[in-house]
C-alpha atoms as a PDB file:
ATOM      1  CA  MET A   1      11.597 -23.449  -6.328  1.00  0.00           C
ATOM      2  CA  PHE A   2      10.980 -24.030  -2.462  1.00  0.00           C
ATOM      3  CA  LEU A   3      10.694 -20.099  -1.985  1.00  0.00           C
ATOM      4  CA  LYS A   4       9.068 -19.598  -4.604  1.00  0.00           C
ATOM      5  CA  ILE A   5       6.473 -22.127  -3.247  1.00  0.00           C
ATOM      6  CA  PHE A   6       6.379 -20.838   0.288  1.00  0.00           C
ATOM      7  CA  LEU A   7       6.580 -17.410  -0.264  1.00  0.00           C
ATOM      8  CA  HIS A   8       3.052 -17.709  -2.628  1.00  0.00           C
ATOM      9  CA  HIS A   9       1.714 -20.315   0.302  1.00  0.00           C
ATOM     10  CA  LEU A  10       2.281 -16.453   2.724  1.00  0.00           C
ATOM     11  CA  SER A  11       0.455 -14.201   0.086  1.00  0.00           C
ATOM     12  CA  ILE A  12      -2.520 -16.788   0.474  1.00  0.00           C
ATOM     13  CA  HIS A  13      -2.338 -16.858   4.299  1.00  0.00           C
ATOM     14  CA  LYS A  14      -1.726 -13.139   4.432  1.00  0.00           C
ATOM     15  CA  GLU A  15      -5.450 -12.977   2.421  1.00  0.00           C
ATOM     16  CA  PHE A  16      -6.726 -15.263   4.795  1.00  0.00           C
ATOM     17  CA  VAL A  17      -5.490 -13.728   7.648  1.00  0.00           C
ATOM     18  CA  ILE A  18      -7.024 -10.191   6.331  1.00  0.00           C
ATOM     19  CA  ILE A  19     -10.245 -11.526   5.129  1.00  0.00           C
ATOM     20  CA  LYS A  20     -10.640 -13.037   8.834  1.00  0.00           C
ATOM     21  CA  TRP A  21      -9.820  -9.450  10.334  1.00  0.00           C
ATOM     22  CA  THR A  22     -12.010  -7.701   7.877  1.00  0.00           C
ATOM     23  CA  LYS A  23     -15.191 -10.591   9.229  1.00  0.00           C
ATOM     24  CA  PHE A  24     -14.822  -9.541  12.616  1.00  0.00           C
ATOM     25  CA  PHE A  25     -14.642  -6.680  12.769  1.00  0.00           C
ATOM     26  CA  SER A  26     -17.500  -6.115  10.286  1.00  0.00           C
ATOM     27  CA  ILE A  27     -19.299  -8.240  13.092  1.00  0.00           C
ATOM     28  CA  HIS A  28     -18.927  -5.707  16.216  1.00  0.00           C
END
């Protein structure tokens, strides 16, 4: 149960990081 929530949170965080870096590179 806890592991499933943790993995779900991790995947959301990973997507957020990818979006952040995509925006960062699109600025330059």
